[in-house]
Amino acid sequence: MTTETSPAAARTYDVRTYGCQMNVHDSERISGLMEGAGYVRASDADAADVVVFNTCAVRENADNRLYGNLGHLRPTKLKHPGMQIAVGGCLAQKDRGDIVKRAPWVDVVFGTHNIGSLPALLERARHNQEAEVEILESLEVFPSTLPTRRESTYAGWVSISVGCNNTCTFCIVPALRGKEKDRRPGDVLAEVEALVAEGVLEVTLLGQNVNSYGVEFGDRFAFGKLLRACGDVPGLERVRFTSPHPKDFTDDVIAAMAETPNVCPSLHMPLQSGSDDVLKAMRRSYRSEKYLGIIDKVRAAMPDAAITTDIIVGFPGETEEDFRRTLDVVRAARFSSAFTFQYSKRPGTPAATMDEQLPKQVVQERYERLIATLEDITWAENKKQVGRAVEVLVATGEGRKDERTGRMSGRARDGRLVHFATGDLTGIRPGDIVTTEITYAAPHHLNADGAPLSHRRTRAGDAHEAGRAPRTAGVTLGLPTVGVPAPLPATTGGCAL
């Protein structure tokens, strides 16, 4: 497909993302591919020539949400000849050709393993004037080899692996993203260095199960080594990672976190349930005692670490006693925040056919009790921050009320959301660093209403002020592609749970 498109004739695109951080990062790659193929981002999303849905299949209402949005878009397409709609991501991998049957106005369906084919599929569909459906069963190319249009000037995702080798009974992700494939450490560090060269201050190492990293090349300590190596990257101020699995969480990783200054004192570690019986039914190969033991070790090494989690309420067969055990673990763990879910069936998962599916009203009542318990704990933990001076990386889009309140917002090193007053300081930009004192705590955020103690201008702030979004070409360093590349079309010259 030619990329020599004049600005006046350039077709526009819009990417709409659902689901986990992996999908958010995939969407950055989709944007990079589209711009590499000559498209430009639409200033008016409703008038885009190409709309790409990057879908999630983790929750039950994902299907309804997608088809509802496709239905709303149909009249727009009828009014705009030449408009194209593409559906990718996990739901596309699962539903395949059914998407075109249910929504015949869709032009392209592509899966999680062949993101790189999107521009070619769009061109092929336009040329042939019929829908193109291409779903591969293994990776066409490792995602890191694709160009990426980053959404942030100051923070970036860096994928260290794709896929998952676990068999959790509630999760459809392994079936849709495949077995774990690890990048070599040199590839990961090259991408980190490329981002830092663009001014990025913070990276999040991303994988379905980051702390099993190294399984492909036989180094069980690879993830801890990678964290330490990130500590040697000049200019990299913050390192985060998500998500680890408790069964693979080892002491060397805790030591690496504590001993590497730019690794943030924050940990997201999914619990899912505090009941050992439910964990067994989920095929989560740890128990509540081990989970709490890991948290104790993390806090012994990093007393101020903020720990967040995922919890599912209402898994099939969950009894009232099982649920009470979850509440007990929540109280013992003292999470700073949690992502909570009411269990929903996913076709194709073992849990969907289990006996003892719980009535909706039982799940709802337990869910409300969990939320109330969590809010009491997170509020109490946040109150401990009042009076502390914290370093905030100024962000965009974090504070929905900032314009009305006159504040700006960002994340502290431990990941907590901070809304801060600017005082007499001017010229604070997203990507800059502000140190400020916490004056008020709510269950889900902190306020700092005094004047900032300091403000440091950064290259990330410069990039934001200049309107430059980091773009990275693919980072390969000799990593072979996985699977058989698709032939070029004749018409072209391309849980986190």
Protein backbone atom coordinates (compact mmCIF):
# COMPACT_ATOMS: atom_id res chain seq x y z
CA MET A 1 0.00 0.00 0.00
CA THR A 2 1.47 3.33 -0.94
CA THR A 3 2.19 5.82 1.82
CA GLU A 4 2.65 8.77 -0.55
CA THR A 5 -0.57 10.59 0.25
CA SER A 6 -0.79 14.36 -0.03
CA PRO A 7 -1.98 16.10 3.14
CA ALA A 8 -5.02 17.44 1.30
CA ALA A 9 -6.10 13.93 0.29
CA ALA A 10 -5.07 12.11 3.45
CA ARG A 11 -7.74 9.83 4.86
CA THR A 12 -8.44 10.24 8.56
CA TYR A 13 -8.74 7.61 11.28
CA ASP A 14 -10.03 7.20 14.84
CA VAL A 15 -9.20 4.33 17.21
CA ARG A 16 -11.69 3.45 19.97
CA THR A 17 -10.27 1.26 22.73
CA TYR A 18 -11.90 -1.02 25.28
CA GLY A 19 -10.35 -3.17 27.98
CA CYS A 20 -6.96 -3.61 29.59
CA GLN A 21 -3.60 -1.88 29.39
CA MET A 22 -2.50 -4.36 26.72
CA ASN A 23 -5.33 -3.10 24.51
CA VAL A 24 -4.39 0.52 25.19
CA HIS A 25 -0.84 -0.21 24.08
CA ASP A 26 -2.07 -2.18 21.05
CA SER A 27 -4.09 0.89 20.07
CA GLU A 28 -0.91 2.98 20.14
CA ARG A 29 0.55 0.49 17.66
CA ILE A 30 -2.59 0.64 15.51
CA SER A 31 -2.26 4.44 15.42
CA GLY A 32 1.40 4.12 14.47
CA LEU A 33 0.52 1.73 11.64
CA MET A 34 -2.22 3.97 10.33
CA GLU A 35 0.00 7.03 10.28
CA GLY A 36 2.80 5.04 8.69
CA ALA A 37 0.34 4.12 5.93
CA GLY A 38 -0.49 7.78 5.26
CA TYR A 39 -3.60 8.28 7.41
CA VAL A 40 -3.92 11.21 9.82
CA ARG A 41 -5.76 11.26 13.12
CA ALA A 42 -9.24 12.73 12.78
CA SER A 43 -9.78 16.05 14.52
CA ASP A 44 -13.48 15.14 14.63
CA ALA A 45 -13.80 11.48 15.61
CA ASP A 46 -17.39 11.33 14.34
CA ALA A 47 -16.24 12.31 10.85
CA ALA A 48 -13.28 9.91 10.53
CA ASP A 49 -12.83 8.06 7.24
CA VAL A 50 -11.76 4.92 9.15
CA VAL A 51 -12.99 3.95 12.61
CA VAL A 52 -11.11 1.12 14.35
CA PHE A 53 -12.64 -0.65 17.36
CA ASN A 54 -10.00 -2.37 19.51
CA THR A 55 -12.16 -4.69 21.59
CA CYS A 56 -12.10 -6.60 24.87
CA ALA A 57 -13.72 -9.97 25.53
CA VAL A 58 -13.13 -10.30 29.27
CA ARG A 59 -16.56 -9.23 30.51
CA GLU A 60 -20.02 -10.39 29.53
CA ASN A 61 -21.31 -7.04 28.29
CA ALA A 62 -18.35 -6.57 25.91
CA ASP A 63 -20.36 -8.08 23.04
CA ASN A 64 -23.39 -5.89 23.66
CA ARG A 65 -21.25 -2.79 23.93
CA LEU A 66 -19.48 -3.46 20.63
CA TYR A 67 -22.61 -4.26 18.62
CA GLY A 68 -24.43 -1.32 20.15
CA ASN A 69 -21.63 1.03 19.08
CA LEU A 70 -21.51 -0.53 15.62
CA GLY A 71 -25.25 0.00 15.31
CA HIS A 72 -24.93 3.67 16.25
CA LEU A 73 -22.23 4.10 13.60
CA ARG A 74 -24.22 2.54 10.76
CA PRO A 75 -26.23 5.68 9.85
CA THR A 76 -23.01 7.70 9.81
CA LYS A 77 -21.46 5.28 7.36
CA LEU A 78 -24.52 5.36 5.11
CA LYS A 79 -24.18 9.15 4.89
CA HIS A 80 -20.44 9.00 4.14
CA PRO A 81 -19.56 6.80 1.13
CA GLY A 82 -16.05 5.45 1.44
CA MET A 83 -16.05 5.34 5.25
CA GLN A 84 -14.62 2.10 6.65
CA ILE A 85 -15.10 0.32 9.97
CA ALA A 86 -12.58 -2.18 11.35
CA VAL A 87 -12.93 -4.41 14.42
CA GLY A 88 -9.86 -5.88 16.12
CA GLY A 89 -8.75 -7.12 19.51
CA CYS A 90 -9.88 -9.99 21.71
CA LEU A 91 -13.56 -9.97 20.76
CA ALA A 92 -12.61 -10.07 17.08
CA GLN A 93 -10.30 -13.01 17.79
CA LYS A 94 -13.21 -14.79 19.52
CA ASP A 95 -16.16 -13.96 17.26
CA ARG A 96 -14.31 -13.91 13.92
CA GLY A 97 -16.68 -14.00 10.94
CA ASP A 98 -19.73 -13.68 13.18
CA ILE A 99 -19.04 -9.95 13.48
CA VAL A 100 -19.65 -9.39 9.77
CA LYS A 101 -22.77 -11.57 9.92
CA ARG A 102 -24.22 -9.52 12.78
CA ALA A 103 -22.96 -6.17 11.45
CA PRO A 104 -22.52 -6.51 7.67
CA TRP A 105 -21.50 -2.83 7.37
CA VAL A 106 -18.13 -3.72 9.02
CA ASP A 107 -15.30 -3.71 6.46
CA VAL A 108 -12.42 -5.42 8.29
CA VAL A 109 -12.09 -7.90 11.15
CA PHE A 110 -8.58 -8.65 12.42
CA GLY A 111 -7.32 -10.52 15.47
CA THR A 112 -4.81 -10.08 18.27
CA HIS A 113 -2.05 -11.82 16.31
CA ASN A 114 -2.10 -9.76 13.11
CA ILE A 115 -2.42 -6.10 14.05
CA GLY A 116 0.24 -5.34 11.46
CA SER A 117 -2.10 -6.43 8.64
CA LEU A 118 -4.67 -3.69 9.29
CA PRO A 119 -3.60 -1.14 6.61
CA ALA A 120 -3.43 -3.88 3.95
CA LEU A 121 -6.81 -5.29 4.97
CA LEU A 122 -8.41 -1.84 4.76
CA GLU A 123 -6.96 -1.31 1.29
CA ARG A 124 -8.02 -4.79 0.17
CA ALA A 125 -11.58 -4.27 1.46
CA ARG A 126 -11.80 -0.92 -0.32
CA HIS A 127 -10.47 -2.38 -3.56
CA ASN A 128 -12.65 -5.52 -3.51
CA GLN A 129 -15.67 -3.71 -2.02
CA GLU A 130 -16.30 -6.55 0.40
CA ALA A 131 -15.43 -7.34 4.01
CA GLU A 132 -12.01 -8.76 4.85
CA VAL A 133 -11.75 -11.13 7.84
CA GLU A 134 -8.27 -12.29 8.82
CA ILE A 135 -7.70 -14.07 12.13
CA LEU A 136 -4.37 -15.80 12.76
CA GLU A 137 -3.73 -18.45 15.42
CA SER A 138 -0.19 -17.31 16.22
CA LEU A 139 1.75 -14.06 16.06
CA GLU A 140 2.48 -12.74 12.60
CA VAL A 141 5.14 -10.41 14.00
CA PHE A 142 6.00 -9.54 17.59
CA PRO A 143 4.08 -6.33 18.39
CA SER A 144 7.27 -4.46 19.30
CA THR A 145 8.35 -4.54 15.65
CA LEU A 146 5.41 -2.32 14.70
CA PRO A 147 5.56 1.49 14.64
CA THR A 148 3.88 3.17 17.59
CA ARG A 149 2.20 6.53 18.08
CA ARG A 150 2.42 7.15 21.81
CA GLU A 151 -0.45 8.91 23.54
CA SER A 152 1.67 10.48 26.29
CA THR A 153 4.80 12.64 26.17
CA TYR A 154 5.84 11.61 29.68
CA ALA A 155 4.79 7.96 30.21
CA GLY A 156 4.94 4.93 27.95
CA TRP A 157 3.96 1.27 27.88
CA VAL A 158 6.71 -1.23 27.02
CA SER A 159 5.55 -4.76 26.29
CA ILE A 160 7.92 -7.42 27.64
CA SER A 161 5.74 -10.39 26.70
CA VAL A 162 2.46 -11.29 25.06
CA GLY A 163 0.16 -14.21 25.81
CA CYS A 164 -0.27 -16.25 28.97
CA ASN A 165 0.49 -19.83 30.05
CA ASN A 166 -1.99 -19.88 32.94
CA THR A 167 -5.34 -21.68 32.81
CA CYS A 168 -7.59 -19.61 35.10
CA THR A 169 -11.10 -20.97 34.66
CA PHE A 170 -12.74 -17.53 34.42
CA CYS A 171 -10.34 -16.06 31.87
CA ILE A 172 -10.53 -16.21 28.08
CA VAL A 173 -7.32 -14.25 27.47
CA PRO A 174 -4.96 -17.24 26.90
CA ALA A 175 -7.32 -18.58 24.22
CA LEU A 176 -7.32 -15.20 22.46
CA ARG A 177 -3.72 -14.03 22.91
CA GLY A 178 -2.00 -17.42 22.88
CA LYS A 179 0.89 -18.87 24.86
CA GLU A 180 3.43 -16.57 26.42
CA LYS A 181 6.06 -15.15 24.08
CA ASP A 182 8.90 -13.20 25.70
CA ARG A 183 11.03 -10.47 24.21
CA ARG A 184 14.76 -10.58 24.79
CA PRO A 185 15.97 -8.16 27.50
CA GLY A 186 18.06 -6.22 24.98
CA ASP A 187 14.95 -5.57 22.87
CA VAL A 188 13.01 -4.31 25.88
CA LEU A 189 15.83 -2.02 27.01
CA ALA A 190 16.27 -0.67 23.48
CA GLU A 191 12.63 0.40 23.44
CA VAL A 192 12.94 1.92 26.92
CA GLU A 193 16.00 3.88 25.82
CA ALA A 194 14.22 5.02 22.64
CA LEU A 195 11.33 6.38 24.71
CA VAL A 196 13.64 8.15 27.16
CA ALA A 197 15.44 9.73 24.20
CA GLU A 198 12.03 11.19 23.22
CA GLY A 199 11.69 12.73 26.69
CA VAL A 200 9.57 10.05 28.40
CA LEU A 201 10.16 9.94 32.17
CA GLU A 202 8.11 6.88 33.16
CA VAL A 203 7.70 3.44 31.62
CA THR A 204 5.37 0.63 32.59
CA LEU A 205 6.59 -2.87 31.74
CA LEU A 206 3.58 -4.70 30.41
CA GLY A 207 2.61 -8.35 30.13
CA GLN A 208 -0.24 -10.72 30.88
CA ASN A 209 2.00 -12.15 33.63
CA VAL A 210 5.15 -10.06 33.88
CA ASN A 211 6.92 -12.04 36.57
CA SER A 212 6.91 -15.26 34.56
CA TYR A 213 9.04 -13.32 32.08
CA GLY A 214 12.03 -15.38 30.97
CA VAL A 215 10.17 -18.69 30.64
CA GLU A 216 10.89 -18.80 26.92
CA PHE A 217 14.64 -18.37 27.24
CA GLY A 218 15.06 -20.31 30.47
CA ASP A 219 15.89 -17.62 33.05
CA ARG A 220 13.51 -17.63 36.01
CA PHE A 221 15.23 -14.55 37.44
CA ALA A 222 14.94 -12.55 34.23
CA PHE A 223 12.27 -10.14 35.46
CA GLY A 224 14.22 -9.01 38.52
CA LYS A 225 17.29 -8.54 36.33
CA LEU A 226 15.22 -6.48 33.89
CA LEU A 227 14.03 -4.18 36.68
CA ARG A 228 17.60 -3.62 37.79
CA ALA A 229 18.71 -2.96 34.20
CA CYS A 230 16.02 -0.28 33.89
CA GLY A 231 17.66 1.39 36.86
CA ASP A 232 20.75 1.96 34.73
CA VAL A 233 18.93 3.87 31.96
CA PRO A 234 19.93 7.56 32.25
CA GLY A 235 16.96 9.90 32.37
CA LEU A 236 14.41 7.21 33.28
CA GLU A 237 12.82 8.45 36.49
CA ARG A 238 9.98 6.00 37.11
CA VAL A 239 9.49 2.30 36.37
CA ARG A 240 6.24 0.44 36.97
CA PHE A 241 4.98 -2.97 35.88
CA THR A 242 1.69 -4.80 35.49
CA SER A 243 0.47 -7.40 36.13
CA PRO A 244 2.30 -10.03 38.15
CA HIS A 245 0.82 -13.36 39.25
CA PRO A 246 1.21 -14.31 42.91
CA LYS A 247 2.31 -17.85 42.04
CA ASP A 248 5.40 -16.52 40.23
CA PHE A 249 6.25 -13.66 42.58
CA THR A 250 9.73 -14.27 43.97
CA ASP A 251 11.98 -12.66 46.58
CA ASP A 252 14.51 -11.51 43.97
CA VAL A 253 11.84 -9.29 42.40
CA ILE A 254 11.05 -7.72 45.78
CA ALA A 255 14.77 -7.06 46.29
CA ALA A 256 15.07 -5.55 42.81
CA MET A 257 12.11 -3.26 43.49
CA ALA A 258 13.52 -2.09 46.83
CA GLU A 259 17.10 -1.64 45.62
CA THR A 260 16.46 0.08 42.27
CA PRO A 261 15.79 3.78 42.94
CA ASN A 262 13.65 4.46 39.87
CA VAL A 263 11.33 1.46 40.43
CA CYS A 264 8.23 2.97 42.02
CA PRO A 265 6.99 1.80 45.43
CA SER A 266 3.76 0.46 43.98
CA LEU A 267 2.52 -3.01 43.19
CA HIS A 268 -0.59 -4.21 41.39
CA MET A 269 -1.10 -7.88 42.29
CA PRO A 270 -4.45 -9.55 41.50
CA LEU A 271 -6.05 -11.41 44.40
CA GLN A 272 -9.34 -12.45 42.70
CA SER A 273 -10.65 -14.16 45.88
CA GLY A 274 -9.62 -14.56 49.49
CA SER A 275 -11.18 -18.04 49.72
CA ASP A 276 -8.81 -20.94 49.15
CA ASP A 277 -11.71 -23.05 47.87
CA VAL A 278 -12.64 -20.43 45.29
CA LEU A 279 -9.00 -19.93 44.30
CA LYS A 280 -8.77 -23.67 43.69
CA ALA A 281 -11.92 -23.59 41.54
CA MET A 282 -10.43 -20.65 39.64
CA ARG A 283 -7.19 -22.62 39.10
CA ARG A 284 -5.24 -19.86 40.78
CA SER A 285 -2.23 -21.79 42.06
CA TYR A 286 -1.66 -19.86 45.31
CA ARG A 287 -3.64 -19.55 48.50
CA SER A 288 -4.54 -16.60 50.69
CA GLU A 289 -1.71 -17.26 53.16
CA LYS A 290 0.91 -17.10 50.40
CA TYR A 291 -0.68 -13.97 48.98
CA LEU A 292 -0.59 -12.14 52.30
CA GLY A 293 2.94 -13.40 52.86
CA ILE A 294 4.08 -11.70 49.65
CA ILE A 295 2.48 -8.44 50.76
CA ASP A 296 4.22 -8.68 54.14
CA LYS A 297 7.58 -9.13 52.38
CA VAL A 298 6.93 -6.21 50.03
CA ARG A 299 6.04 -3.92 52.92
CA ALA A 300 9.04 -5.07 54.95
CA ALA A 301 11.28 -4.04 52.03
CA MET A 302 9.25 -0.93 51.08
CA PRO A 303 7.16 0.24 54.06
CA ASP A 304 5.36 2.94 52.06
CA ALA A 305 4.48 0.76 49.06
CA ALA A 306 0.96 1.21 47.72
CA ILE A 307 -0.58 -2.14 46.79
CA THR A 308 -3.55 -2.48 44.46
CA THR A 309 -5.45 -5.54 43.28
CA ASP A 310 -8.26 -7.16 41.26
CA ILE A 311 -11.16 -8.97 42.95
CA ILE A 312 -14.00 -11.00 41.45
CA VAL A 313 -17.26 -11.34 43.41
CA GLY A 314 -19.78 -14.11 42.80
CA PHE A 315 -17.65 -16.80 41.17
CA PRO A 316 -19.71 -20.00 40.68
CA GLY A 317 -20.08 -21.86 43.96
CA GLU A 318 -18.90 -18.95 46.10
CA THR A 319 -20.57 -19.27 49.52
CA GLU A 320 -21.20 -16.57 52.07
CA GLU A 321 -18.26 -17.96 54.05
CA ASP A 322 -16.05 -17.79 50.95
CA PHE A 323 -17.00 -14.15 50.49
CA ARG A 324 -16.28 -13.36 54.14
CA ARG A 325 -12.79 -14.78 53.66
CA THR A 326 -12.29 -12.36 50.79
CA LEU A 327 -13.28 -9.51 53.10
CA ASP A 328 -10.82 -10.82 55.70
CA VAL A 329 -7.95 -10.77 53.20
CA VAL A 330 -8.95 -7.29 52.02
CA ARG A 331 -8.82 -6.04 55.61
CA ALA A 332 -5.45 -7.69 56.20
CA ALA A 333 -3.90 -6.49 52.92
CA ARG A 334 -4.88 -2.81 53.33
CA PHE A 335 -5.06 -2.12 49.60
CA SER A 336 -4.68 1.47 48.40
CA SER A 337 -7.23 0.75 45.66
CA ALA A 338 -8.83 -2.18 43.86
CA PHE A 339 -10.45 -3.04 40.56
CA THR A 340 -13.60 -4.96 41.43
CA PHE A 341 -15.73 -7.13 39.16
CA GLN A 342 -18.98 -9.02 39.40
CA TYR A 343 -18.40 -12.43 37.87
CA SER A 344 -19.88 -12.78 34.40
CA LYS A 345 -19.89 -15.83 32.13
CA ARG A 346 -17.51 -15.86 29.21
CA PRO A 347 -18.36 -18.49 26.59
CA GLY A 348 -15.41 -20.78 26.05
CA THR A 349 -14.17 -20.67 29.65
CA PRO A 350 -14.55 -23.62 32.07
CA ALA A 351 -16.28 -21.40 34.64
CA ALA A 352 -19.13 -20.65 32.22
CA THR A 353 -20.38 -24.24 32.46
CA MET A 354 -19.81 -24.75 36.20
CA ASP A 355 -22.71 -25.61 38.46
CA GLU A 356 -23.89 -23.22 41.16
CA GLN A 357 -23.95 -20.03 39.10
CA LEU A 358 -25.03 -17.39 41.62
CA PRO A 359 -28.20 -15.27 41.31
CA LYS A 360 -27.58 -11.69 40.25
CA GLN A 361 -29.08 -10.25 43.44
CA VAL A 362 -26.69 -12.28 45.63
CA VAL A 363 -23.67 -11.14 43.61
CA GLN A 364 -24.84 -7.51 43.68
CA GLU A 365 -25.34 -7.52 47.47
CA ARG A 366 -21.86 -8.98 48.07
CA TYR A 367 -20.33 -6.57 45.60
CA GLU A 368 -21.81 -3.59 47.46
CA ARG A 369 -20.43 -4.90 50.76
CA LEU A 370 -16.99 -5.33 49.19
CA ILE A 371 -17.03 -1.78 47.82
CA ALA A 372 -18.01 -0.38 51.22
CA THR A 373 -15.23 -2.31 52.95
CA LEU A 374 -12.65 -1.24 50.38
CA GLU A 375 -13.63 2.42 50.59
CA ASP A 376 -13.21 2.41 54.38
CA ILE A 377 -9.73 0.94 53.96
CA THR A 378 -8.55 3.08 51.05
CA TRP A 379 -9.77 6.23 52.77
CA ALA A 380 -7.94 5.30 55.98
CA GLU A 381 -4.76 4.51 54.02
CA ASN A 382 -5.01 7.79 52.11
CA LYS A 383 -5.44 9.77 55.33
CA LYS A 384 -1.95 8.57 56.33
CA GLN A 385 -0.62 10.64 53.42
CA VAL A 386 -1.86 13.98 54.84
CA GLY A 387 1.10 16.16 55.75
CA ARG A 388 3.53 14.30 53.52
CA ALA A 389 5.48 15.92 50.73
CA VAL A 390 5.03 13.95 47.50
CA GLU A 391 6.58 14.16 44.06
CA VAL A 392 3.88 14.41 41.38
CA LEU A 393 4.35 13.72 37.67
CA VAL A 394 1.87 16.17 36.15
CA ALA A 395 -0.63 14.44 33.87
CA THR A 396 -3.41 15.21 31.40
CA GLY A 397 -6.96 13.95 31.78
CA GLU A 398 -6.59 12.75 35.37
CA GLY A 399 -8.57 15.53 37.03
CA ARG A 400 -12.02 15.92 35.51
CA LYS A 401 -12.84 18.85 37.81
CA ASP A 402 -9.47 20.60 37.51
CA GLU A 403 -10.74 23.46 35.36
CA ARG A 404 -13.51 24.23 37.84
CA THR A 405 -11.33 23.89 40.95
CA GLY A 406 -8.24 25.59 39.55
CA ARG A 407 -6.07 22.56 40.26
CA MET A 408 -3.83 20.33 38.17
CA SER A 409 -3.43 16.59 38.63
CA GLY A 410 -0.89 13.80 38.42
CA ARG A 411 0.41 10.66 40.05
CA ALA A 412 2.69 10.37 43.06
CA ARG A 413 5.53 7.86 42.86
CA ASP A 414 3.36 5.28 44.65
CA GLY A 415 0.66 5.68 41.97
CA ARG A 416 -1.85 7.65 44.02
CA LEU A 417 -3.82 10.34 42.20
CA VAL A 418 -3.05 13.86 43.47
CA HIS A 419 -5.00 17.03 42.66
CA PHE A 420 -2.79 20.02 43.50
CA ALA A 421 -3.11 23.78 43.58
CA THR A 422 -0.55 25.71 41.55
CA GLY A 423 -0.32 28.74 43.82
CA ASP A 424 1.53 31.61 42.18
CA LEU A 425 3.50 29.27 39.91
CA THR A 426 2.85 29.56 36.19
CA GLY A 427 3.99 27.45 33.30
CA ILE A 428 3.46 24.03 34.90
CA ARG A 429 2.97 21.55 32.05
CA PRO A 430 1.96 17.90 31.80
CA GLY A 431 5.22 15.99 32.04
CA ASP A 432 6.77 18.37 34.58
CA ILE A 433 7.55 17.34 38.16
CA VAL A 434 5.96 19.14 41.11
CA THR A 435 6.63 18.52 44.79
CA THR A 436 3.69 19.40 47.03
CA GLU A 437 2.25 18.65 50.48
CA ILE A 438 -0.92 16.59 50.89
CA THR A 439 -3.65 18.49 52.76
CA TYR A 440 -6.74 16.30 52.29
CA ALA A 441 -7.55 12.64 51.60
CA ALA A 442 -10.57 11.05 49.91
CA PRO A 443 -11.06 7.31 49.24
CA HIS A 444 -9.80 7.56 45.66
CA HIS A 445 -7.58 10.64 45.53
CA LEU A 446 -5.50 13.15 47.48
CA ASN A 447 -5.61 16.95 47.44
CA ALA A 448 -2.71 19.36 47.94
CA ASP A 449 -4.20 22.81 48.38
CA GLY A 450 -1.08 24.74 49.41
CA ALA A 451 1.42 26.26 47.01
CA PRO A 452 3.79 23.69 45.47
CA LEU A 453 7.10 23.27 47.27
CA SER A 454 8.95 23.02 43.96
CA HIS A 455 8.45 22.75 40.20
CA ARG A 456 10.92 21.13 37.79
CA ARG A 457 10.55 21.65 34.06
CA THR A 458 11.34 18.53 32.02
CA ARG A 459 11.93 17.45 28.43
CA ALA A 460 8.57 15.65 28.62
CA GLY A 461 6.92 18.96 29.49
CA ASP A 462 8.75 20.61 26.59
CA ALA A 463 7.42 17.93 24.23
CA HIS A 464 3.87 18.39 25.51
CA GLU A 465 4.08 22.15 25.13
CA ALA A 466 5.33 21.72 21.57
CA GLY A 467 2.57 19.20 20.78
CA ARG A 468 5.02 16.39 20.02
CA ALA A 469 3.77 12.86 20.70
CA PRO A 470 6.60 10.31 20.95
CA ARG A 471 6.73 7.98 17.97
CA THR A 472 8.86 4.87 17.98
CA ALA A 473 9.65 2.76 14.97
CA GLY A 474 9.65 -0.97 15.61
CA VAL A 475 12.46 -2.24 17.86
CA THR A 476 13.68 -5.58 16.56
CA LEU A 477 17.39 -6.14 17.25
CA GLY A 478 17.27 -9.40 15.37
CA LEU A 479 14.17 -10.87 17.06
CA PRO A 480 12.63 -13.26 14.54
CA THR A 481 8.98 -13.04 13.65
CA VAL A 482 6.68 -15.70 15.01
CA GLY A 483 4.56 -17.75 12.61
CA VAL A 484 4.31 -17.54 8.84
CA PRO A 485 3.93 -13.99 7.48
CA ALA A 486 0.74 -13.43 5.50
CA PRO A 487 1.28 -12.91 1.75
CA LEU A 488 1.01 -9.37 0.47
CA PRO A 489 -2.33 -8.68 -1.20
CA ALA A 490 -2.24 -8.40 -4.98
CA THR A 491 -3.76 -4.92 -4.88
CA THR A 492 -1.09 -3.25 -2.76
CA GLY A 493 2.34 -2.23 -3.33
CA GLY A 494 -0.38 -4.11 4.92
CA CYS A 495 -6.96 -9.46 32.69
CA ALA A 496 -6.07 -8.50 33.00
CA LEU A 497 -7.51 -10.13 35.13
